[in-house]
C-alpha atoms as a PDB file:
ATOM      1  CA  MET A   1     100.762 123.082  66.090  1.00  0.00           C
ATOM      2  CA  ALA A   2     103.515 120.550  67.010  1.00  0.00           C
ATOM      3  CA  MET A   3     103.273 117.273  65.143  1.00  0.00           C
ATOM      4  CA  ILE A   4     105.070 113.860  66.149  1.00  0.00           C
ATOM      5  CA  PRO A   5     106.544 112.684  62.521  1.00  0.00           C
ATOM      6  CA  GLY A   6     105.980 109.394  61.553  1.00  0.00           C
ATOM      7  CA  PHE A   7     109.180 107.200  61.990  1.00  0.00           C
ATOM      8  CA  GLU A   8     109.733 103.159  62.136  1.00  0.00           C
ATOM      9  CA  ASP A   9     112.508 100.684  62.760  1.00  0.00           C
ATOM     10  CA  GLU A  10     112.612  97.220  62.831  1.00  0.00           C
ATOM     11  CA  SER A  11     111.087  96.698  65.998  1.00  0.00           C
ATOM     12  CA  PHE A  12     107.886  99.650  65.684  1.00  0.00           C
ATOM     13  CA  ARG A  13     106.147 101.721  63.432  1.00  0.00           C
ATOM     14  CA  VAL A  14     105.159 105.691  64.643  1.00  0.00           C
ATOM     15  CA  LEU A  15     102.233 106.932  62.765  1.00  0.00           C
ATOM     16  CA  PRO A  16     102.136 110.716  63.150  1.00  0.00           C
ATOM     17  CA  GLY A  17     100.293 112.808  64.794  1.00  0.00           C
ATOM     18  CA  ARG A  18      99.459 116.092  66.573  1.00  0.00           C
ATOM     19  CA  ALA A  19     101.940 116.167  69.831  1.00  0.00           C
ATOM     20  CA  ASP A  20      98.698 117.576  71.595  1.00  0.00           C
ATOM     21  CA  ALA A  21      95.771 115.601  70.338  1.00  0.00           C
ATOM     22  CA  GLY A  22      95.536 114.626  73.916  1.00  0.00           C
ATOM     23  CA  LEU A  23      95.329 110.885  72.633  1.00  0.00           C
ATOM     24  CA  ILE A  24      98.042 108.296  71.968  1.00  0.00           C
ATOM     25  CA  VAL A  25      96.613 104.851  69.993  1.00  0.00           C
ATOM     26  CA  LEU A  26      98.783 101.302  70.971  1.00  0.00           C
ATOM     27  CA  CYS A  27      98.920  98.591  68.739  1.00  0.00           C
ATOM     28  CA  ASP A  28     100.835  95.773  70.494  1.00  0.00           C
ATOM     29  CA  HIS A  29     100.329  92.839  68.466  1.00  0.00           C
ATOM     30  CA  ALA A  30     100.260  94.785  65.008  1.00  0.00           C
ATOM     31  CA  SER A  31     101.740  92.217  62.940  1.00  0.00           C
ATOM     32  CA  ASN A  32     102.919  88.377  62.703  1.00  0.00           C
ATOM     33  CA  ALA A  33     106.338  89.345  61.312  1.00  0.00           C
ATOM     34  CA  MET A  34     109.341  87.476  61.575  1.00  0.00           C
ATOM     35  CA  PRO A  35     112.881  88.490  60.673  1.00  0.00           C
ATOM     36  CA  PRO A  36     113.988  85.806  58.304  1.00  0.00           C
ATOM     37  CA  GLU A  37     116.632  84.524  59.751  1.00  0.00           C
ATOM     38  CA  TYR A  38     114.064  83.399  62.726  1.00  0.00           C
ATOM     39  CA  GLY A  39     112.437  82.040  59.820  1.00  0.00           C
ATOM     40  CA  THR A  40     108.936  80.432  61.194  1.00  0.00           C
ATOM     41  CA  LEU A  41     110.514  79.210  64.796  1.00  0.00           C
ATOM     42  CA  GLY A  42     109.967  75.539  63.363  1.00  0.00           C
ATOM     43  CA  LEU A  43     106.088  76.650  63.283  1.00  0.00           C
ATOM     44  CA  PRO A  44     103.864  75.378  60.051  1.00  0.00           C
ATOM     45  CA  ALA A  45     102.890  78.955  58.078  1.00  0.00           C
ATOM     46  CA  THR A  46      99.909  78.568  58.605  1.00  0.00           C
ATOM     47  CA  GLU A  47     100.284  79.050  62.451  1.00  0.00           C
ATOM     48  CA  LEU A  48     101.743  82.285  61.953  1.00  0.00           C
ATOM     49  CA  GLU A  49      98.511  83.081  60.216  1.00  0.00           C
ATOM     50  CA  ARG A  50      96.521  82.730  63.866  1.00  0.00           C
ATOM     51  CA  HIS A  51      96.211  85.100  67.381  1.00  0.00           C
ATOM     52  CA  ILE A  52      98.769  83.308  68.770  1.00  0.00           C
ATOM     53  CA  ALA A  53     100.923  85.199  65.987  1.00  0.00           C
ATOM     54  CA  TYR A  54      99.090  88.687  66.371  1.00  0.00           C
ATOM     55  CA  ASP A  55      95.663  90.326  67.039  1.00  0.00           C
ATOM     56  CA  ILE A  56      94.002  89.918  64.073  1.00  0.00           C
ATOM     57  CA  GLY A  57      92.479  93.278  62.743  1.00  0.00           C
ATOM     58  CA  ALA A  58      93.720  95.267  65.261  1.00  0.00           C
ATOM     59  CA  GLU A  59      96.319  97.484  63.084  1.00  0.00           C
ATOM     60  CA  GLY A  60      93.316  98.482  60.990  1.00  0.00           C
ATOM     61  CA  VAL A  61      91.307  99.557  63.719  1.00  0.00           C
ATOM     62  CA  THR A  62      94.137 101.450  65.740  1.00  0.00           C
ATOM     63  CA  ARG A  63      94.959 103.279  62.034  1.00  0.00           C
ATOM     64  CA  VAL A  64      91.263 104.237  61.831  1.00  0.00           C
ATOM     65  CA  ILE A  65      91.286 105.981  65.545  1.00  0.00           C
ATOM     66  CA  ALA A  66      94.422 107.427  65.209  1.00  0.00           C
ATOM     67  CA  GLU A  67      93.226 109.053  62.161  1.00  0.00           C
ATOM     68  CA  ALA A  68      90.181 110.389  62.940  1.00  0.00           C
ATOM     69  CA  PHE A  69      91.894 112.026  65.877  1.00  0.00           C
ATOM     70  CA  GLY A  70      94.838 113.156  64.249  1.00  0.00           C
ATOM     71  CA  ALA A  71      96.651 111.176  66.786  1.00  0.00           C
ATOM     72  CA  PRO A  72     100.216 109.695  66.711  1.00  0.00           C
ATOM     73  CA  ALA A  73     100.163 106.200  67.051  1.00  0.00           C
ATOM     74  CA  VAL A  74     102.842 103.623  67.988  1.00  0.00           C
ATOM     75  CA  LEU A  75     102.474  99.792  66.602  1.00  0.00           C
ATOM     76  CA  SER A  76     105.151  96.995  66.764  1.00  0.00           C
ATOM     77  CA  ARG A  77     106.371  95.351  63.801  1.00  0.00           C
ATOM     78  CA  PHE A  78     107.206  91.921  64.468  1.00  0.00           C
ATOM     79  CA  SER A  79     105.434  89.024  65.621  1.00  0.00           C
ATOM     80  CA  ARG A  80     104.085  88.123  69.522  1.00  0.00           C
ATOM     81  CA  LEU A  81     105.639  84.977  69.009  1.00  0.00           C
ATOM     82  CA  LEU A  82     109.286  85.952  69.215  1.00  0.00           C
ATOM     83  CA  ILE A  83     108.699  88.185  72.531  1.00  0.00           C
ATOM     84  CA  ASP A  84     105.200  89.795  73.165  1.00  0.00           C
ATOM     85  CA  PRO A  85     105.500  93.433  74.241  1.00  0.00           C
ATOM     86  CA  ASN A  86     102.543  93.460  76.037  1.00  0.00           C
ATOM     87  CA  ARG A  87     104.211  91.422  79.005  1.00  0.00           C
ATOM     88  CA  GLY A  88     106.611  92.520  81.592  1.00  0.00           C
ATOM     89  CA  ALA A  89     110.134  91.495  81.329  1.00  0.00           C
ATOM     90  CA  ASP A  90     110.593  89.697  83.954  1.00  0.00           C
ATOM     91  CA  ASP A  91     106.657  87.542  82.916  1.00  0.00           C
ATOM     92  CA  PRO A  92     107.288  83.811  82.211  1.00  0.00           C
ATOM     93  CA  THR A  93     104.768  84.082  79.361  1.00  0.00           C
ATOM     94  CA  LEU A  94     107.127  86.952  77.830  1.00  0.00           C
ATOM     95  CA  ILE A  95     108.233  84.109  75.252  1.00  0.00           C
ATOM     96  CA  MET A  96     105.732  81.454  74.766  1.00  0.00           C
ATOM     97  CA  ARG A  97     107.069  77.854  74.376  1.00  0.00           C
ATOM     98  CA  LEU A  98     103.576  76.587  73.862  1.00  0.00           C
ATOM     99  CA  SER A  99     100.580  78.751  72.984  1.00  0.00           C
ATOM    100  CA  ASP A 100      97.175  77.582  72.535  1.00  0.00           C
ATOM    101  CA  GLY A 101      98.070  73.721  71.899  1.00  0.00           C
ATOM    102  CA  ALA A 102     100.910  74.864  69.682  1.00  0.00           C
ATOM    103  CA  ILE A 103     104.410  73.871  70.521  1.00  0.00           C
ATOM    104  CA  VAL A 104     106.555  76.735  69.587  1.00  0.00           C
ATOM    105  CA  PRO A 105     110.497  75.006  68.846  1.00  0.00           C
ATOM    106  CA  GLY A 106     111.907  78.244  68.450  1.00  0.00           C
ATOM    107  CA  ASN A 107     111.059  79.222  71.360  1.00  0.00           C
ATOM    108  CA  ARG A 108     110.939  75.454  73.145  1.00  0.00           C
ATOM    109  CA  HIS A 109     114.831  75.478  74.363  1.00  0.00           C
ATOM    110  CA  ILE A 110     115.327  79.533  74.428  1.00  0.00           C
ATOM    111  CA  ASP A 111     118.379  80.777  76.676  1.00  0.00           C
ATOM    112  CA  ALA A 112     119.191  83.547  78.536  1.00  0.00           C
ATOM    113  CA  VAL A 113     121.443  84.660  75.697  1.00  0.00           C
ATOM    114  CA  GLU A 114     118.504  84.384  73.209  1.00  0.00           C
ATOM    115  CA  ARG A 115     115.926  86.029  75.935  1.00  0.00           C
ATOM    116  CA  ALA A 116     117.868  88.858  76.212  1.00  0.00           C
ATOM    117  CA  ARG A 117     119.122  89.673  72.662  1.00  0.00           C
ATOM    118  CA  ARG A 118     115.202  89.561  71.623  1.00  0.00           C
ATOM    119  CA  ILE A 119     114.471  92.256  74.342  1.00  0.00           C
ATOM    120  CA  ASP A 120     117.033  94.448  73.368  1.00  0.00           C
ATOM    121  CA  ARG A 121     116.020  94.059  69.494  1.00  0.00           C
ATOM    122  CA  PHE A 122     112.337  93.720  69.833  1.00  0.00           C
ATOM    123  CA  TYR A 123     111.035  94.759  73.094  1.00  0.00           C
ATOM    124  CA  ASN A 124     112.956  97.681  74.229  1.00  0.00           C
ATOM    125  CA  PRO A 125     112.770  99.530  71.380  1.00  0.00           C
ATOM    126  CA  TYR A 126     109.181  99.325  70.840  1.00  0.00           C
ATOM    127  CA  HIS A 127     108.512 100.460  74.606  1.00  0.00           C
ATOM    128  CA  GLY A 128     111.260 103.288  73.969  1.00  0.00           C
ATOM    129  CA  ALA A 129     109.365 104.392  71.195  1.00  0.00           C
ATOM    130  CA  ILE A 130     106.342 104.767  73.358  1.00  0.00           C
ATOM    131  CA  GLU A 131     107.956 106.663  75.877  1.00  0.00           C
ATOM    132  CA  ARG A 132     109.439 109.053  73.137  1.00  0.00           C
ATOM    133  CA  VAL A 133     106.120 109.817  71.684  1.00  0.00           C
ATOM    134  CA  ILE A 134     104.635 110.265  75.616  1.00  0.00           C
ATOM    135  CA  ALA A 135     107.238 112.615  76.277  1.00  0.00           C
ATOM    136  CA  ALA A 136     106.577 114.338  73.066  1.00  0.00           C
ATOM    137  CA  CYS A 137     102.890 115.059  73.872  1.00  0.00           C
ATOM    138  CA  LEU A 138     103.285 115.940  77.526  1.00  0.00           C
ATOM    139  CA  ALA A 139     105.939 118.661  76.392  1.00  0.00           C
ATOM    140  CA  THR A 140     102.445 120.420  74.469  1.00  0.00           C
ATOM    141  CA  GLY A 141     101.406 120.774  78.244  1.00  0.00           C
ATOM    142  CA  VAL A 142      98.426 118.001  77.104  1.00  0.00           C
ATOM    143  CA  ALA A 143      98.184 115.102  78.662  1.00  0.00           C
ATOM    144  CA  PRO A 144      97.292 111.966  76.547  1.00  0.00           C
ATOM    145  CA  ALA A 145      95.112 109.752  77.362  1.00  0.00           C
ATOM    146  CA  ILE A 146      96.204 106.395  76.341  1.00  0.00           C
ATOM    147  CA  LEU A 147      93.892 103.501  73.999  1.00  0.00           C
ATOM    148  CA  SER A 148      95.554 100.490  73.340  1.00  0.00           C
ATOM    149  CA  ILE A 149      93.487  98.554  70.530  1.00  0.00           C
ATOM    150  CA  HIS A 150      93.732  94.109  70.880  1.00  0.00           C
ATOM    151  CA  SER A 151      91.084  92.016  69.770  1.00  0.00           C
ATOM    152  CA  PHE A 152      90.393  87.973  70.876  1.00  0.00           C
ATOM    153  CA  THR A 153      89.002  85.368  69.668  1.00  0.00           C
ATOM    154  CA  GLU A 154      85.487  84.461  69.068  1.00  0.00           C
ATOM    155  CA  ALA A 155      85.527  80.772  71.146  1.00  0.00           C
ATOM    156  CA  TRP A 156      88.020  79.905  73.615  1.00  0.00           C
ATOM    157  CA  LYS A 157      88.261  75.791  74.128  1.00  0.00           C
ATOM    158  CA  GLY A 158      84.991  75.357  72.533  1.00  0.00           C
ATOM    159  CA  THR A 159      83.020  77.851  74.066  1.00  0.00           C
ATOM    160  CA  PRO A 160      81.738  80.720  72.305  1.00  0.00           C
ATOM    161  CA  ARG A 161      82.159  84.031  73.924  1.00  0.00           C
ATOM    162  CA  PRO A 162      79.410  86.637  74.046  1.00  0.00           C
ATOM    163  CA  TRP A 163      81.309  89.878  74.208  1.00  0.00           C
ATOM    164  CA  HIS A 164      81.353  91.841  70.978  1.00  0.00           C
ATOM    165  CA  ALA A 165      84.179  93.861  72.991  1.00  0.00           C
ATOM    166  CA  GLY A 166      85.547  94.170  76.250  1.00  0.00           C
ATOM    167  CA  ILE A 167      87.374  96.944  77.950  1.00  0.00           C
ATOM    168  CA  LEU A 168      90.211  96.155  80.260  1.00  0.00           C
ATOM    169  CA  TRP A 169      91.045  98.302  83.519  1.00  0.00           C
ATOM    170  CA  ASP A 170      93.043  98.313  86.394  1.00  0.00           C
ATOM    171  CA  ARG A 171      92.409 100.824  88.761  1.00  0.00           C
ATOM    172  CA  ASP A 172      91.754 104.050  86.538  1.00  0.00           C
ATOM    173  CA  PRO A 173      88.226 104.214  85.265  1.00  0.00           C
ATOM    174  CA  ARG A 174      88.150 107.691  84.081  1.00  0.00           C
ATOM    175  CA  LEU A 175      88.707 106.100  80.126  1.00  0.00           C
ATOM    176  CA  ALA A 176      87.565 103.066  81.111  1.00  0.00           C
ATOM    177  CA  LYS A 177      84.286 103.194  82.235  1.00  0.00           C
ATOM    178  CA  PRO A 178      82.928 105.573  80.009  1.00  0.00           C
ATOM    179  CA  LEU A 179      83.723 103.650  77.163  1.00  0.00           C
ATOM    180  CA  ILE A 180      81.983 100.682  78.468  1.00  0.00           C
ATOM    181  CA  ALA A 181      79.063 103.178  78.337  1.00  0.00           C
ATOM    182  CA  GLY A 182      78.583 104.546  75.513  1.00  0.00           C
ATOM    183  CA  LEU A 183      79.777 100.978  73.541  1.00  0.00           C
ATOM    184  CA  SER A 184      76.636  99.524  75.332  1.00  0.00           C
ATOM    185  CA  ALA A 185      74.400 102.398  74.571  1.00  0.00           C
ATOM    186  CA  MET A 186      74.767 101.160  70.828  1.00  0.00           C
ATOM    187  CA  PRO A 187      71.891  98.597  70.084  1.00  0.00           C
ATOM    188  CA  GLY A 188      72.930  95.053  69.666  1.00  0.00           C
ATOM    189  CA  LEU A 189      76.242  94.974  71.517  1.00  0.00           C
ATOM    190  CA  VAL A 190      77.514  92.758  74.071  1.00  0.00           C
ATOM    191  CA  VAL A 191      79.904  94.761  76.307  1.00  0.00           C
ATOM    192  CA  GLY A 192      82.575  92.928  78.891  1.00  0.00           C
ATOM    193  CA  ASP A 193      83.939  94.827  81.965  1.00  0.00           C
ATOM    194  CA  ASN A 194      87.218  93.338  82.586  1.00  0.00           C
ATOM    195  CA  GLN A 195      86.155  90.559  79.763  1.00  0.00           C
ATOM    196  CA  PRO A 196      87.687  88.475  78.318  1.00  0.00           C
ATOM    197  CA  TYR A 197      90.406  89.006  80.334  1.00  0.00           C
ATOM    198  CA  LYS A 198      91.328  91.109  83.295  1.00  0.00           C
ATOM    199  CA  GLY A 199      93.010  94.160  83.270  1.00  0.00           C
ATOM    200  CA  ALA A 200      95.383  94.372  85.853  1.00  0.00           C
ATOM    201  CA  LEU A 201      98.222  92.658  84.688  1.00  0.00           C
ATOM    202  CA  GLN A 202     101.517  94.302  86.692  1.00  0.00           C
ATOM    203  CA  GLY A 203     104.494  95.097  84.089  1.00  0.00           C
ATOM    204  CA  ASP A 204     102.255  95.177  80.794  1.00  0.00           C
ATOM    205  CA  CYS A 205     102.134  97.673  78.521  1.00  0.00           C
ATOM    206  CA  MET A 206      99.722  99.823  79.656  1.00  0.00           C
ATOM    207  CA  TRP A 207     101.264  99.375  83.649  1.00  0.00           C
ATOM    208  CA  GLN A 208     104.438 100.692  82.232  1.00  0.00           C
ATOM    209  CA  HIS A 209     103.355 103.978  80.115  1.00  0.00           C
ATOM    210  CA  ALA A 210     100.009 104.444  81.826  1.00  0.00           C
ATOM    211  CA  THR A 211      99.171 103.095  85.029  1.00  0.00           C
ATOM    212  CA  ALA A 212     102.412 103.672  86.495  1.00  0.00           C
ATOM    213  CA  ARG A 213     102.519 107.181  85.211  1.00  0.00           C
ATOM    214  CA  GLY A 214      98.835 108.531  85.947  1.00  0.00           C
ATOM    215  CA  LEU A 215      97.978 109.142  82.752  1.00  0.00           C
ATOM    216  CA  VAL A 216      94.497 108.213  81.460  1.00  0.00           C
ATOM    217  CA  HIS A 217      93.834 104.933  79.849  1.00  0.00           C
ATOM    218  CA  ALA A 218      92.157 102.013  78.575  1.00  0.00           C
ATOM    219  CA  LEU A 219      92.685  98.853  76.565  1.00  0.00           C
ATOM    220  CA  VAL A 220      90.218  97.846  74.168  1.00  0.00           C
ATOM    221  CA  GLU A 221      89.484  94.212  72.910  1.00  0.00           C
ATOM    222  CA  VAL A 222      87.258  93.370  69.998  1.00  0.00           C
ATOM    223  CA  ARG A 223      86.205  90.298  68.975  1.00  0.00           C
ATOM    224  CA  GLN A 224      88.096  88.970  65.798  1.00  0.00           C
ATOM    225  CA  ASP A 225      85.158  87.828  63.954  1.00  0.00           C
ATOM    226  CA  LEU A 226      84.063  91.529  63.597  1.00  0.00           C
ATOM    227  CA  ILE A 227      87.368  92.940  62.079  1.00  0.00           C
ATOM    228  CA  ARG A 228      89.262  90.575  59.772  1.00  0.00           C
ATOM    229  CA  THR A 229      88.031  92.128  57.063  1.00  0.00           C
ATOM    230  CA  VAL A 230      88.872  96.051  55.978  1.00  0.00           C
ATOM    231  CA  ALA A 231      85.101  96.693  56.208  1.00  0.00           C
ATOM    232  CA  GLY A 232      84.785  95.259  59.648  1.00  0.00           C
ATOM    233  CA  GLN A 233      88.146  97.500  61.001  1.00  0.00           C
ATOM    234  CA  LEU A 234      86.410 100.691  59.502  1.00  0.00           C
ATOM    235  CA  GLU A 235      83.160 100.019  61.037  1.00  0.00           C
ATOM    236  CA  TRP A 236      84.760  99.174  64.475  1.00  0.00           C
ATOM    237  CA  GLY A 237      87.534 101.856  64.388  1.00  0.00           C
ATOM    238  CA  GLU A 238      84.737 104.259  63.364  1.00  0.00           C
ATOM    239  CA  ARG A 239      82.473 102.916  66.148  1.00  0.00           C
ATOM    240  CA  LEU A 240      85.090 103.998  68.972  1.00  0.00           C
ATOM    241  CA  VAL A 241      85.642 107.231  67.395  1.00  0.00           C
ATOM    242  CA  THR A 242      82.030 107.888  68.130  1.00  0.00           C
ATOM    243  CA  VAL A 243      82.463 106.686  71.595  1.00  0.00           C
ATOM    244  CA  VAL A 244      85.615 108.654  72.356  1.00  0.00           C
ATOM    245  CA  ASP A 245      84.516 112.085  70.238  1.00  0.00           C
ATOM    246  CA  SER A 246      81.495 112.113  72.713  1.00  0.00           C
ATOM    247  CA  LEU A 247      83.869 112.052  75.313  1.00  0.00           C
ATOM    248  CA  ARG A 248      86.146 115.261  74.278  1.00  0.00           C
ATOM    249  CA  ASP A 249      84.254 117.619  76.874  1.00  0.00           C
ATOM    250  CA  ASP A 250      85.061 115.205  80.153  1.00  0.00           C
ATOM    251  CA  PRO A 251      87.108 117.327  82.525  1.00  0.00           C
ATOM    252  CA  ASP A 252      89.281 113.966  83.160  1.00  0.00           C
ATOM    253  CA  LEU A 253      90.252 114.321  79.021  1.00  0.00           C
ATOM    254  CA  ASN A 254      91.933 116.720  76.640  1.00  0.00           C
ATOM    255  CA  ILE A 255      90.978 114.406  73.208  1.00  0.00           C
ATOM    256  CA  SER A 256      90.376 116.694  70.242  1.00  0.00           C
ATOM    257  CA  PRO A 257      87.344 116.449  68.083  1.00  0.00           C
ATOM    258  CA  ALA A 258      87.636 113.764  66.070  1.00  0.00           C
ATOM    259  CA  GLY A 259      87.880 115.301  62.306  1.00  0.00           C
ATOM    260  CA  SER A 260      91.120 116.752  63.238  1.00  0.00           C
ATOM    261  CA  GLY A 261      92.636 113.632  60.883  1.00  0.00           C
ATOM    262  CA  LYS A 262      92.856 113.136  57.186  1.00  0.00           C
ATOM    263  CA  GLY A 263      89.845 110.680  56.502  1.00  0.00           C
ATOM    264  CA  ARG A 264      89.180 107.108  56.090  1.00  0.00           C
ATOM    265  CA  ALA A 265      91.769 106.081  53.746  1.00  0.00           C
ATOM    266  CA  LEU A 266      94.635 104.895  55.843  1.00  0.00           C
ATOM    267  CA  VAL A 267      94.061 101.287  57.009  1.00  0.00           C
ATOM    268  CA  LEU A 268      96.305 100.083  54.534  1.00  0.00           C
ATOM    269  CA  GLY A 269      98.334 103.286  54.113  1.00  0.00           C
ATOM    270  CA  ALA A 270     100.783 105.119  55.683  1.00  0.00           C
ATOM    271  CA  VAL A 271      99.526 108.706  56.503  1.00  0.00           C
ATOM    272  CA  LYS A 272     101.810 111.873  55.499  1.00  0.00           C
ATOM    273  CA  THR A 273     102.425 115.171  56.786  1.00  0.00           C
ATOM    274  CA  ASN A 274     104.072 118.444  56.265  1.00  0.00           C
ATOM    275  CA  SER A 275     103.073 120.097  59.594  1.00  0.00           C
ATOM    276  CA  PRO A 276     105.735 121.402  61.847  1.00  0.00           C
ATOM    277  CA  GLN A 277     107.003 118.185  64.114  1.00  0.00           C
ATOM    278  CA  ALA A 278     107.818 118.049  67.765  1.00  0.00           C
ATOM    279  CA  GLU A 279     110.926 116.620  68.599  1.00  0.00           C
ATOM    280  CA  VAL A 280     110.296 113.043  69.616  1.00  0.00           C
ATOM    281  CA  ASN A 281     114.126 111.746  69.399  1.00  0.00           C
ATOM    282  CA  PRO A 282     114.361 109.214  67.139  1.00  0.00           C
ATOM    283  CA  PRO A 283     116.597 105.530  68.473  1.00  0.00           C
ATOM    284  CA  GLN A 284     120.066 106.917  67.758  1.00  0.00           C
ATOM    285  CA  GLY A 285     123.132 105.154  66.195  1.00  0.00           C
ATOM    286  CA  PRO A 286     126.924 105.492  66.531  1.00  0.00           C
ATOM    287  CA  ALA A 287     128.258 109.385  66.436  1.00  0.00           C
ATOM    288  CA  GLY A 288     124.232 110.284  67.078  1.00  0.00           C
ATOM    289  CA  THR A 289     123.337 109.033  63.720  1.00  0.00           C
ATOM    290  CA  THR A 290     119.884 108.002  63.881  1.00  0.00           C
ATOM    291  CA  SER A 291     119.444 104.147  63.869  1.00  0.00           C
ATOM    292  CA  ARG A 292     116.610 102.996  61.376  1.00  0.00           C
ATOM    293  CA  GLN A 293     117.666  99.169  60.983  1.00  0.00           C
ATOM    294  CA  PRO A 294     116.413  98.091  56.882  1.00  0.00           C
ATOM    295  CA  TYR A 295     113.294  96.401  56.882  1.00  0.00           C
ATOM    296  CA  ARG A 296     114.515  93.061  56.871  1.00  0.00           C
ATOM    297  CA  ILE A 297     110.955  91.399  58.248  1.00  0.00           C
ATOM    298  CA  ALA A 298     108.456  89.523  55.851  1.00  0.00           C
ATOM    299  CA  GLU A 299     104.847  89.822  56.649  1.00  0.00           C
ATOM    300  CA  VAL A 300     102.953  86.708  56.943  1.00  0.00           C
ATOM    301  CA  PRO A 301      99.759  86.726  54.981  1.00  0.00           C
ATOM    302  CA  MET A 302      97.189  87.724  57.382  1.00  0.00           C
ATOM    303  CA  MET A 303      93.958  85.360  57.207  1.00  0.00           C
ATOM    304  CA  ALA A 304      91.085  84.099  59.113  1.00  0.00           C
ATOM    305  CA  HIS A 305      91.496  81.543  61.808  1.00  0.00           C
ATOM    306  CA  LYS A 306      90.603  80.972  65.374  1.00  0.00           C
ATOM    307  CA  GLY A 307      91.763  80.738  68.836  1.00  0.00           C
ATOM    308  CA  ASP A 308      92.504  83.056  71.909  1.00  0.00           C
ATOM    309  CA  ALA A 309      95.411  85.233  73.540  1.00  0.00           C
ATOM    310  CA  THR A 310      95.986  88.831  74.922  1.00  0.00           C
END
């Protein structure tokens, strides 16, 4: 069985998995990390602990799902405050000058040169990694479903949000509708259908890599207060695994049964494999050498805060 190898660069991390698992898991806002030369973009460090900098808890949930299915995952390694990979390159909210009441000094007077620099350094490599993983999966003859993991705040502008989770989708209901039905069948859960956000955003990550290619896909939003802890991330990861696993016989999906991964000890650790590897073609540097920039990004401690952003 061909494996997609785990590798990482300054802007992304690929978790290894089977190329024919029928599933790729994405986490666009996994990290609140900033390269040292950007500091905190002029913000107090506490602002980087909020939702405006990353999706709290989303990375842990992503790891649980990918590990359970033995599926590859692609995660960002930079804060969305630098540049938002879940926006089109021409979206006016690609680099936020004001986010949930916080003026971002380092973005306030950004010019075209700096915008292009961030696109080349962070945005393009992340999306390139996703494209390479998709290509490696398609090369096995098994079209993967794309599942993107995000989180949302429990209140917005003082109004509590009733949903425990939401499933966002655009024109393709093949994965979204079964996910909504499966989660809604679990006792006590309130599940949003294109809530708390709408899933139709031309140019966003799912549009680029799934909608435009006709791949089955859905975006999952989990309320942040439910996944701030590792225990919550495991609970929601396994909840989503249960629902996705129940769909493995769906003729529109090619997802392998859960349990093909290596177990639960994964939320905070890297996954290693000695299996044969599929060709994913990591980024190339001069003279064909693999470009893997030193990991200069300093992770800011992840803490519990309220707020909002997709």
